[in-house]
């Protein structure tokens, strides 16, 4: 599958330890290690929503991707003149 450290039992959703809520450290580590693929998947979802004429859903996925990118420190690309 993708790059990065394999998930451990404590990282996986649906384990008995999840009854207390998400583990912020594990969640942060997983997101940091897999940020690129997560952002790509969110854009794929947003594009699918655009194609299905579901603009509000598309906006949601793109806004979520922006939040993750900003939190992850992904630099914005400079705009080029075309």
PDB file of N, CA and C in Angstrom:
ATOM      1  N   UNK A   1       0.841  -1.179   0.000  1.00  0.00           N
ATOM      2  CA  UNK A   1       0.000   0.000   0.000  1.00  0.00           C
ATOM      3  C   UNK A   1       0.878   1.230   0.000  1.00  0.00           C
ATOM      4  N   UNK A   2       0.547   2.292   0.730  1.00  0.00           N
ATOM      5  CA  UNK A   2       1.275   3.551   0.683  1.00  0.00           C
ATOM      6  C   UNK A   2       2.576   3.502   1.445  1.00  0.00           C
ATOM      7  N   UNK A   3       3.223   4.627   1.503  1.00  0.00           N
ATOM      8  CA  UNK A   3       4.497   4.742   2.188  1.00  0.00           C
ATOM      9  C   UNK A   3       4.266   5.084   3.645  1.00  0.00           C
ATOM     10  N   UNK A   4       5.335   5.057   4.413  1.00  0.00           N
ATOM     11  CA  UNK A   4       5.237   5.436   5.819  1.00  0.00           C
ATOM     12  C   UNK A   4       5.205   4.214   6.713  1.00  0.00           C
ATOM     13  N   UNK A   5       5.006   4.465   7.977  1.00  0.00           N
ATOM     14  CA  UNK A   5       4.987   3.409   8.967  1.00  0.00           C
ATOM     15  C   UNK A   5       3.661   2.668   8.902  1.00  0.00           C
ATOM     16  N   UNK A   6       3.706   1.312   8.955  1.00  0.00           N
ATOM     17  CA  UNK A   6       2.440   0.565   8.956  1.00  0.00           C
ATOM     18  C   UNK A   6       1.613   0.916  10.191  1.00  0.00           C
ATOM     19  N   UNK A   7       0.323   0.799  10.059  1.00  0.00           N
ATOM     20  CA  UNK A   7      -0.565   1.083  11.180  1.00  0.00           C
ATOM     21  C   UNK A   7      -0.405   0.019  12.248  1.00  0.00           C
ATOM     22  N   UNK A   8      -0.461   0.446  13.490  1.00  0.00           N
ATOM     23  CA  UNK A   8      -0.441  -0.495  14.599  1.00  0.00           C
ATOM     24  C   UNK A   8      -1.870  -0.704  15.068  1.00  0.00           C
ATOM     25  N   UNK A   9      -2.056  -1.642  15.963  1.00  0.00           N
ATOM     26  CA  UNK A   9      -3.411  -1.896  16.467  1.00  0.00           C
ATOM     27  C   UNK A   9      -4.018  -0.645  17.085  1.00  0.00           C
ATOM     28  N   UNK A  10      -3.222   0.142  17.801  1.00  0.00           N
ATOM     29  CA  UNK A  10      -3.772   1.332  18.462  1.00  0.00           C
ATOM     30  C   UNK A  10      -4.166   2.416  17.466  1.00  0.00           C
ATOM     31  N   UNK A  11      -3.640   2.349  16.224  1.00  0.00           N
ATOM     32  CA  UNK A  11      -3.958   3.341  15.205  1.00  0.00           C
ATOM     33  C   UNK A  11      -5.257   3.035  14.476  1.00  0.00           C
ATOM     34  N   UNK A  12      -5.669   1.797  14.478  1.00  0.00           N
ATOM     35  CA  UNK A  12      -6.778   1.373  13.642  1.00  0.00           C
ATOM     36  C   UNK A  12      -8.116   1.696  14.283  1.00  0.00           C
ATOM     37  N   UNK A  13      -9.063   2.089  13.434  1.00  0.00           N
ATOM     38  CA  UNK A  13     -10.413   2.423  13.883  1.00  0.00           C
ATOM     39  C   UNK A  13     -11.144   1.146  14.272  1.00  0.00           C
ATOM     40  N   UNK A  14     -11.994   1.238  15.270  1.00  0.00           N
ATOM     41  CA  UNK A  14     -12.826   0.112  15.647  1.00  0.00           C
ATOM     42  C   UNK A  14     -12.219  -0.778  16.714  1.00  0.00           C
ATOM     43  N   UNK A  15     -11.089  -0.430  17.233  1.00  0.00           N
ATOM     44  CA  UNK A  15     -10.472  -1.217  18.294  1.00  0.00           C
ATOM     45  C   UNK A  15     -11.121  -0.845  19.613  1.00  0.00           C
ATOM     46  N   UNK A  16     -10.970  -1.697  20.613  1.00  0.00           N
ATOM     47  CA  UNK A  16     -11.637  -1.470  21.887  1.00  0.00           C
ATOM     48  C   UNK A  16     -11.215  -0.169  22.541  1.00  0.00           C
ATOM     49  N   UNK A  17     -10.007   0.317  22.330  1.00  0.00           N
ATOM     50  CA  UNK A  17      -9.540   1.557  22.928  1.00  0.00           C
ATOM     51  C   UNK A  17     -10.216   2.794  22.370  1.00  0.00           C
ATOM     52  N   UNK A  18     -10.980   2.667  21.308  1.00  0.00           N
ATOM     53  CA  UNK A  18     -11.618   3.821  20.676  1.00  0.00           C
ATOM     54  C   UNK A  18     -12.874   4.281  21.407  1.00  0.00           C
ATOM     55  N   UNK A  19     -13.351   3.535  22.386  1.00  0.00           N
ATOM     56  CA  UNK A  19     -14.576   3.928  23.068  1.00  0.00           C
ATOM     57  C   UNK A  19     -14.420   5.251  23.810  1.00  0.00           C
ATOM     58  N   UNK A  20     -13.192   5.624  24.125  1.00  0.00           N
ATOM     59  CA  UNK A  20     -12.932   6.869  24.846  1.00  0.00           C
ATOM     60  C   UNK A  20     -12.751   8.045  23.899  1.00  0.00           C
ATOM     61  N   UNK A  21     -12.827   7.821  22.618  1.00  0.00           N
ATOM     62  CA  UNK A  21     -12.611   8.874  21.637  1.00  0.00           C
ATOM     63  C   UNK A  21     -11.301   8.643  20.912  1.00  0.00           C
ATOM     64  N   UNK A  22     -11.028   9.475  19.921  1.00  0.00           N
ATOM     65  CA  UNK A  22      -9.817   9.294  19.135  1.00  0.00           C
ATOM     66  C   UNK A  22      -8.554   9.546  19.964  1.00  0.00           C
ATOM     67  N   UNK A  23      -7.494   8.870  19.598  1.00  0.00           N
ATOM     68  CA  UNK A  23      -6.194   9.059  20.221  1.00  0.00           C
ATOM     69  C   UNK A  23      -5.483  10.164  19.446  1.00  0.00           C
ATOM     70  N   UNK A  24      -5.384  11.377  20.008  1.00  0.00           N
ATOM     71  CA  UNK A  24      -4.808  12.506  19.258  1.00  0.00           C
ATOM     72  C   UNK A  24      -3.391  12.252  18.752  1.00  0.00           C
ATOM     73  N   UNK A  25      -2.564  11.590  19.544  1.00  0.00           N
ATOM     74  CA  UNK A  25      -1.194  11.329  19.105  1.00  0.00           C
ATOM     75  C   UNK A  25      -1.168  10.389  17.909  1.00  0.00           C
ATOM     76  N   UNK A  26      -1.928   9.308  17.988  1.00  0.00           N
ATOM     77  CA  UNK A  26      -1.962   8.348  16.877  1.00  0.00           C
ATOM     78  C   UNK A  26      -2.570   8.990  15.636  1.00  0.00           C
ATOM     79  N   UNK A  27      -3.632   9.741  15.819  1.00  0.00           N
ATOM     80  CA  UNK A  27      -4.290  10.410  14.701  1.00  0.00           C
ATOM     81  C   UNK A  27      -3.340  11.399  14.037  1.00  0.00           C
ATOM     82  N   UNK A  28      -2.654  12.165  14.828  1.00  0.00           N
ATOM     83  CA  UNK A  28      -1.706  13.134  14.300  1.00  0.00           C
ATOM     84  C   UNK A  28      -0.593  12.450  13.516  1.00  0.00           C
ATOM     85  N   UNK A  29      -0.075  11.351  14.053  1.00  0.00           N
ATOM     86  CA  UNK A  29       1.010  10.625  13.385  1.00  0.00           C
ATOM     87  C   UNK A  29       0.540  10.038  12.054  1.00  0.00           C
ATOM     88  N   UNK A  30      -0.639   9.431  12.042  1.00  0.00           N
ATOM     89  CA  UNK A  30      -1.158   8.823  10.815  1.00  0.00           C
ATOM     90  C   UNK A  30      -1.399   9.892   9.756  1.00  0.00           C
ATOM     91  N   UNK A  31      -2.008  11.000  10.140  1.00  0.00           N
ATOM     92  CA  UNK A  31      -2.272  12.077   9.178  1.00  0.00           C
ATOM     93  C   UNK A  31      -0.957  12.648   8.650  1.00  0.00           C
ATOM     94  N   UNK A  32       0.006  12.873   9.534  1.00  0.00           N
ATOM     95  CA  UNK A  32       1.285  13.431   9.101  1.00  0.00           C
ATOM     96  C   UNK A  32       2.003  12.499   8.126  1.00  0.00           C
ATOM     97  N   UNK A  33       1.948  11.197   8.383  1.00  0.00           N
ATOM     98  CA  UNK A  33       2.652  10.233   7.543  1.00  0.00           C
ATOM     99  C   UNK A  33       1.951   9.997   6.207  1.00  0.00           C
ATOM    100  N   UNK A  34       0.657  10.270   6.145  1.00  0.00           N
ATOM    101  CA  UNK A  34      -0.114   9.953   4.941  1.00  0.00           C
ATOM    102  C   UNK A  34      -0.842  11.169   4.391  1.00  0.00           C
ATOM    103  N   UNK A  35      -0.315  12.365   4.650  1.00  0.00           N
ATOM    104  CA  UNK A  35      -1.004  13.592   4.262  1.00  0.00           C
ATOM    105  C   UNK A  35      -1.211  13.684   2.750  1.00  0.00           C
ATOM    106  N   UNK A  36      -0.203  13.399   1.972  1.00  0.00           N
ATOM    107  CA  UNK A  36      -0.319  13.489   0.514  1.00  0.00           C
ATOM    108  C   UNK A  36      -1.445  12.629  -0.039  1.00  0.00           C
ATOM    109  N   UNK A  37      -1.463  11.321   0.282  1.00  0.00           N
ATOM    110  CA  UNK A  37      -2.555  10.487  -0.208  1.00  0.00           C
ATOM    111  C   UNK A  37      -3.932  10.914   0.308  1.00  0.00           C
ATOM    112  N   UNK A  38      -3.986  11.416   1.542  1.00  0.00           N
ATOM    113  CA  UNK A  38      -5.273  11.897   2.071  1.00  0.00           C
ATOM    114  C   UNK A  38      -5.772  13.102   1.289  1.00  0.00           C
ATOM    115  N   UNK A  39      -4.862  14.038   0.994  1.00  0.00           N
ATOM    116  CA  UNK A  39      -5.256  15.220   0.220  1.00  0.00           C
ATOM    117  C   UNK A  39      -5.696  14.817  -1.185  1.00  0.00           C
ATOM    118  N   UNK A  40      -4.992  13.873  -1.778  1.00  0.00           N
ATOM    119  CA  UNK A  40      -5.363  13.386  -3.110  1.00  0.00           C
ATOM    120  C   UNK A  40      -6.755  12.743  -3.082  1.00  0.00           C
ATOM    121  N   UNK A  41      -6.998  11.912  -2.082  1.00  0.00           N
ATOM    122  CA  UNK A  41      -8.302  11.237  -1.978  1.00  0.00           C
ATOM    123  C   UNK A  41      -9.434  12.247  -1.789  1.00  0.00           C
ATOM    124  N   UNK A  42      -9.182  13.281  -1.003  1.00  0.00           N
ATOM    125  CA  UNK A  42     -10.210  14.315  -0.820  1.00  0.00           C
ATOM    126  C   UNK A  42     -10.488  15.049  -2.124  1.00  0.00           C
ATOM    127  N   UNK A  43      -9.450  15.299  -2.918  1.00  0.00           N
ATOM    128  CA  UNK A  43      -9.659  15.960  -4.215  1.00  0.00           C
ATOM    129  C   UNK A  43     -10.417  15.044  -5.172  1.00  0.00           C
ATOM    130  N   UNK A  44     -10.133  13.754  -5.138  1.00  0.00           N
ATOM    131  CA  UNK A  44     -10.885  12.799  -5.968  1.00  0.00           C
ATOM    132  C   UNK A  44     -12.358  12.825  -5.574  1.00  0.00           C
ATOM    133  N   UNK A  45     -12.633  12.846  -4.281  1.00  0.00           N
ATOM    134  CA  UNK A  45     -14.025  12.944  -3.806  1.00  0.00           C
ATOM    135  C   UNK A  45     -14.671  14.241  -4.272  1.00  0.00           C
ATOM    136  N   UNK A  46     -13.951  15.345  -4.146  1.00  0.00           N
ATOM    137  CA  UNK A  46     -14.489  16.643  -4.557  1.00  0.00           C
ATOM    138  C   UNK A  46     -14.785  16.659  -6.048  1.00  0.00           C
ATOM    139  N   UNK A  47     -13.900  16.090  -6.845  1.00  0.00           N
ATOM    140  CA  UNK A  47     -14.112  16.039  -8.293  1.00  0.00           C
ATOM    141  C   UNK A  47     -15.335  15.188  -8.628  1.00  0.00           C
ATOM    142  N   UNK A  48     -15.481  14.065  -7.937  1.00  0.00           N
ATOM    143  CA  UNK A  48     -16.654  13.215  -8.152  1.00  0.00           C
ATOM    144  C   UNK A  48     -17.940  13.965  -7.802  1.00  0.00           C
ATOM    145  N   UNK A  49     -17.894  14.744  -6.729  1.00  0.00           N
ATOM    146  CA  UNK A  49     -19.068  15.525  -6.345  1.00  0.00           C
ATOM    147  C   UNK A  49     -19.364  16.603  -7.387  1.00  0.00           C
ATOM    148  N   UNK A  50     -18.316  17.228  -7.932  1.00  0.00           N
ATOM    149  CA  UNK A  50     -18.512  18.192  -9.021  1.00  0.00           C
ATOM    150  C   UNK A  50     -19.202  17.529 -10.200  1.00  0.00           C
ATOM    151  N   UNK A  51     -18.720  16.354 -10.582  1.00  0.00           N
ATOM    152  CA  UNK A  51     -19.289  15.627 -11.725  1.00  0.00           C
ATOM    153  C   UNK A  51     -20.732  15.210 -11.488  1.00  0.00           C
ATOM    154  N   UNK A  52     -21.099  15.026 -10.224  1.00  0.00           N
ATOM    155  CA  UNK A  52     -22.470  14.645  -9.877  1.00  0.00           C
ATOM    156  C   UNK A  52     -23.349  15.859  -9.583  1.00  0.00           C
ATOM    157  N   UNK A  53     -22.833  17.059  -9.910  1.00  0.00           N
ATOM    158  CA  UNK A  53     -23.573  18.299  -9.678  1.00  0.00           C
ATOM    159  C   UNK A  53     -23.893  18.508  -8.196  1.00  0.00           C
ATOM    160  N   UNK A  54     -22.998  18.069  -7.322  1.00  0.00           N
ATOM    161  CA  UNK A  54     -23.176  18.208  -5.872  1.00  0.00           C
ATOM    162  C   UNK A  54     -22.141  19.219  -5.351  1.00  0.00           C
ATOM    163  N   UNK A  55     -22.333  20.467  -5.695  1.00  0.00           N
ATOM    164  CA  UNK A  55     -21.377  21.537  -5.416  1.00  0.00           C
ATOM    165  C   UNK A  55     -21.127  21.734  -3.927  1.00  0.00           C
ATOM    166  N   UNK A  56     -22.158  21.654  -3.115  1.00  0.00           N
ATOM    167  CA  UNK A  56     -21.982  21.844  -1.672  1.00  0.00           C
ATOM    168  C   UNK A  56     -21.069  20.760  -1.086  1.00  0.00           C
ATOM    169  N   UNK A  57     -21.261  19.517  -1.517  1.00  0.00           N
ATOM    170  CA  UNK A  57     -20.403  18.429  -1.053  1.00  0.00           C
ATOM    171  C   UNK A  57     -18.972  18.618  -1.548  1.00  0.00           C
ATOM    172  N   UNK A  58     -18.825  19.048  -2.789  1.00  0.00           N
ATOM    173  CA  UNK A  58     -17.510  19.310  -3.366  1.00  0.00           C
ATOM    174  C   UNK A  58     -16.782  20.375  -2.558  1.00  0.00           C
ATOM    175  N   UNK A  59     -17.473  21.437  -2.219  1.00  0.00           N
ATOM    176  CA  UNK A  59     -16.876  22.512  -1.423  1.00  0.00           C
ATOM    177  C   UNK A  59     -16.431  22.009  -0.052  1.00  0.00           C
ATOM    178  N   UNK A  60     -17.223  21.125   0.541  1.00  0.00           N
ATOM    179  CA  UNK A  60     -16.885  20.561   1.849  1.00  0.00           C
ATOM    180  C   UNK A  60     -15.557  19.799   1.783  1.00  0.00           C
ATOM    181  N   UNK A  61     -15.419  18.901   0.791  1.00  0.00           N
ATOM    182  CA  UNK A  61     -14.201  18.101   0.689  1.00  0.00           C
ATOM    183  C   UNK A  61     -12.978  18.973   0.413  1.00  0.00           C
ATOM    184  N   UNK A  62     -13.138  19.989  -0.406  1.00  0.00           N
ATOM    185  CA  UNK A  62     -12.005  20.878  -0.689  1.00  0.00           C
ATOM    186  C   UNK A  62     -11.642  21.726   0.534  1.00  0.00           C
ATOM    187  N   UNK A  63     -12.638  22.169   1.282  1.00  0.00           N
ATOM    188  CA  UNK A  63     -12.360  22.937   2.504  1.00  0.00           C
ATOM    189  C   UNK A  63     -11.654  22.057   3.538  1.00  0.00           C
ATOM    190  N   UNK A  64     -12.068  20.818   3.649  1.00  0.00           N
ATOM    191  CA  UNK A  64     -11.417  19.887   4.561  1.00  0.00           C
ATOM    192  C   UNK A  64      -9.966  19.655   4.143  1.00  0.00           C
ATOM    193  N   UNK A  65      -9.728  19.494   2.854  1.00  0.00           N
ATOM    194  CA  UNK A  65      -8.363  19.318   2.346  1.00  0.00           C
ATOM    195  C   UNK A  65      -7.508  20.549   2.656  1.00  0.00           C
ATOM    196  N   UNK A  66      -8.087  21.749   2.507  1.00  0.00           N
ATOM    197  CA  UNK A  66      -7.338  22.970   2.816  1.00  0.00           C
ATOM    198  C   UNK A  66      -6.962  23.023   4.300  1.00  0.00           C
ATOM    199  N   UNK A  67      -7.900  22.632   5.168  1.00  0.00           N
ATOM    200  CA  UNK A  67      -7.606  22.611   6.605  1.00  0.00           C
ATOM    201  C   UNK A  67      -6.460  21.660   6.919  1.00  0.00           C
ATOM    202  N   UNK A  68      -6.508  20.471   6.337  1.00  0.00           N
ATOM    203  CA  UNK A  68      -5.438  19.500   6.570  1.00  0.00           C
ATOM    204  C   UNK A  68      -4.111  19.991   6.010  1.00  0.00           C
ATOM    205  N   UNK A  69      -4.140  20.559   4.812  1.00  0.00           N
ATOM    206  CA  UNK A  69      -2.907  21.062   4.193  1.00  0.00           C
ATOM    207  C   UNK A  69      -2.311  22.190   5.034  1.00  0.00           C
ATOM    208  N   UNK A  70      -3.148  23.098   5.499  1.00  0.00           N
ATOM    209  CA  UNK A  70      -2.656  24.202   6.328  1.00  0.00           C
ATOM    210  C   UNK A  70      -2.091  23.675   7.652  1.00  0.00           C
ATOM    211  N   UNK A  71      -2.777  22.722   8.252  1.00  0.00           N
ATOM    212  CA  UNK A  71      -2.310  22.154   9.521  1.00  0.00           C
ATOM    213  C   UNK A  71      -1.027  21.361   9.329  1.00  0.00           C
ATOM    214  N   UNK A  72      -0.876  20.772   8.148  1.00  0.00           N
ATOM    215  CA  UNK A  72       0.313  19.980   7.876  1.00  0.00           C
ATOM    216  C   UNK A  72       1.472  20.792   7.367  1.00  0.00           C
ATOM    217  N   UNK A  73       1.272  22.069   7.166  1.00  0.00           N
ATOM    218  CA  UNK A  73       2.350  22.936   6.737  1.00  0.00           C
ATOM    219  C   UNK A  73       2.658  22.857   5.257  1.00  0.00           C
ATOM    220  N   UNK A  74       1.745  22.328   4.457  1.00  0.00           N
ATOM    221  CA  UNK A  74       1.971  22.257   3.023  1.00  0.00           C
ATOM    222  C   UNK A  74       1.985  23.667   2.466  1.00  0.00           C
ATOM    223  N   UNK A  75       3.041  23.993   1.751  1.00  0.00           N
ATOM    224  CA  UNK A  75       3.154  25.333   1.193  1.00  0.00           C
ATOM    225  C   UNK A  75       2.210  25.487   0.004  1.00  0.00           C
ATOM    226  N   UNK A  76       1.662  26.675  -0.112  1.00  0.00           N
ATOM    227  CA  UNK A  76       0.843  26.979  -1.279  1.00  0.00           C
ATOM    228  C   UNK A  76       1.750  27.256  -2.452  1.00  0.00           C
ATOM    229  N   UNK A  77       1.364  26.773  -3.611  1.00  0.00           N
ATOM    230  CA  UNK A  77       2.142  27.031  -4.812  1.00  0.00           C
ATOM    231  C   UNK A  77       1.904  28.456  -5.253  1.00  0.00           C
ATOM    232  N   UNK A  78       2.961  29.130  -5.686  1.00  0.00           N
ATOM    233  CA  UNK A  78       2.746  30.497  -6.202  1.00  0.00           C
ATOM    234  C   UNK A  78       1.929  30.449  -7.475  1.00  0.00           C
ATOM    235  N   UNK A  79       1.049  31.423  -7.605  1.00  0.00           N
ATOM    236  CA  UNK A  79       0.232  31.481  -8.823  1.00  0.00           C
ATOM    237  C   UNK A  79       1.091  31.916  -9.975  1.00  0.00           C
ATOM    238  N   UNK A  80       0.884  31.259 -11.107  1.00  0.00           N
ATOM    239  CA  UNK A  80       1.647  31.621 -12.310  1.00  0.00           C
ATOM    240  C   UNK A  80       0.745  32.377 -13.257  1.00  0.00           C
ATOM    241  N   UNK A  81       1.337  33.284 -13.974  1.00  0.00           N
ATOM    242  CA  UNK A  81       0.576  34.049 -14.942  1.00  0.00           C
ATOM    243  C   UNK A  81       0.484  33.229 -16.212  1.00  0.00           C
ATOM    244  N   UNK A  82      -0.704  33.143 -16.766  1.00  0.00           N
ATOM    245  CA  UNK A  82      -0.881  32.303 -17.945  1.00  0.00           C
ATOM    246  C   UNK A  82      -1.352  33.051 -19.063  1.00  0.00           C
TER     247      UNK A  82
END
